[in-house]
Amino acid sequence: MKFETLMLQTLFTACLLICLLTLGAMLTTQVPVSSIATSHAPVAAVASSAS
């Protein structure tokens, strides 16, 4: 029983660490505005030509 508890606590800790690192990376990533506009431009062109 003690081994299972240790394994579950280790798994929980690892998952929590991964979640926190992922959240931190998403919050601290800085994307230039021009790259956002460029990446969405083809979608806007297709949407406007379909109408």
Protein backbone atom coordinates (compact mmCIF):
# COMPACT_ATOMS: atom_id res chain seq x y z
CA MET A 1 0.00 0.00 0.00
CA LYS A 2 2.84 2.38 0.76
CA PHE A 3 4.43 1.82 -2.67
CA GLU A 4 1.17 2.65 -4.48
CA THR A 5 0.73 5.82 -2.45
CA LEU A 6 4.27 6.91 -3.25
CA MET A 7 3.76 6.22 -6.97
CA LEU A 8 0.48 8.18 -7.04
CA GLN A 9 2.04 11.13 -5.23
CA THR A 10 4.97 11.10 -7.65
CA LEU A 11 2.62 10.97 -10.64
CA PHE A 12 0.54 13.83 -9.24
CA THR A 13 3.66 15.91 -8.65
CA ALA A 14 4.97 15.25 -12.16
CA CYS A 15 1.61 16.14 -13.75
CA LEU A 16 1.34 19.30 -11.68
CA LEU A 17 4.85 20.34 -12.66
CA ILE A 18 4.14 19.77 -16.36
CA CYS A 19 0.91 21.78 -16.14
CA LEU A 20 2.64 24.66 -14.37
CA LEU A 21 5.50 24.71 -16.86
CA THR A 22 3.06 24.68 -19.79
CA LEU A 23 0.98 27.48 -18.28
CA GLY A 24 4.10 29.51 -17.56
CA ALA A 25 5.33 29.06 -21.13
CA MET A 26 1.97 30.19 -22.54
CA LEU A 27 1.84 33.25 -20.31
CA THR A 28 5.40 34.40 -20.94
CA THR A 29 5.55 33.79 -24.70
CA GLN A 30 5.57 37.05 -26.64
CA VAL A 31 4.34 36.85 -30.22
CA PRO A 32 4.80 39.86 -32.53
CA VAL A 33 1.51 41.29 -33.80
CA SER A 34 2.64 41.12 -37.44
CA SER A 35 3.11 37.35 -37.28
CA ILE A 36 -0.41 36.92 -35.88
CA ALA A 37 -1.89 39.01 -38.70
CA THR A 38 0.15 37.14 -41.30
CA SER A 39 -0.82 33.73 -39.99
CA HIS A 40 -4.56 34.60 -40.13
CA ALA A 41 -4.48 36.40 -43.49
CA PRO A 42 -5.06 33.31 -45.69
CA VAL A 43 -8.11 32.35 -43.61
CA ALA A 44 -9.57 35.84 -43.99
CA ALA A 45 -8.94 35.78 -47.75
CA VAL A 46 -10.67 32.43 -48.14
CA ALA A 47 -13.60 33.54 -45.98
CA SER A 48 -14.13 36.75 -47.93
CA SER A 49 -13.94 35.04 -51.33
CA ALA A 50 -16.43 32.38 -50.28
CA SER A 51 -19.12 34.95 -49.43
